[in-house]
Amino acid sequence: MSTNILHCTLALWDHPVFNAPKGGKNDDYYLRSQPRINHIVELAIKESAAPPTIRFFPSSLFLSSVKHMTGYWNTNQKIHCGKSFGLLEIDGQRVLGYEVPSSARPEEQRLAFAAALELGEATNRNVAIPTAYYEGRRVDFCMMFHLDEQTFTHEHRLAATLSGVSPDQRVPSARACAELPLGGTAEKGNLLCLAFSMLSQNHTDTSKTIRLCDPQNPKYRNNHASNCGTDEIGMSGTRLRRLAPSLTGHESI
């Protein structure tokens, strides 16, 4: 994209054309950068005014390598949420992983993840982002787990989820850690598998900075990820409370 288009976008940021249509609600969508960039790029192409260079890719490459990743609260969250979808995998990395039973309570999942982060740090392994379950149903990891800045001194320690790793990579693919004896461990190539029951019994300082958000909170629908400053799910898995929508005007990315 040319710098001319970026300059144009900034110059026209508050132009009335980006307001909601007459009679429509001027909600958060009209405050975001995405519609501005999209409309100005489309106009530049149409009018041949400093148009960007366009490249076409085969559908197979596009569908397997590109995912819609707007609507996140910050860059770090966008990176680890991408990893939770199986993206940003590095071939040959040493990984620590575990399988989560669908019956696991959110608090057990938090404890297991915190213990895995600390163990990964101690053993120089990246931690595969685990599958997340809420009330017995699978949910996006980033809709239930909110990791604050203190935790994300661990950000570089996260690897793509086991279920998202493609079969041709050296890291074992989906459900590679499923066949473990109770409380056991197994090393398979670059992957060290640990039992969920063993990890979830550990209480670590890291668990204090991992928040459990309510994945059904409508506040998070437009952002594709949670952003709770305090726990919204209690020890038993019940909802504690839902935060009111933000009034700060903070824009997601």
Foldseek 3Di string as FASTA:
>chain_A
DDVVLVVVLVVCVPPPVLADPVPDDRDLVSNDSVVSSVVSQVVCVVVVPPHDDDDDDDPVCCVLADDDQFQAQDDLLSVVLCLQLLPPADFPFQEEEEADQLPDAPLLVLQLVLLRLVVCVVVVAAYADYFDHAPSHTDRPQLFKDADPVLVVSSVRHGHHQQNHDPPGQRHHPCPQVPADVQGWDDDRSYIYGYSVVRSVDDDPRSVRIETDDSPQPLCPSRSGDDDPHHQADPRRHGDDDDDRDPPSRHTD
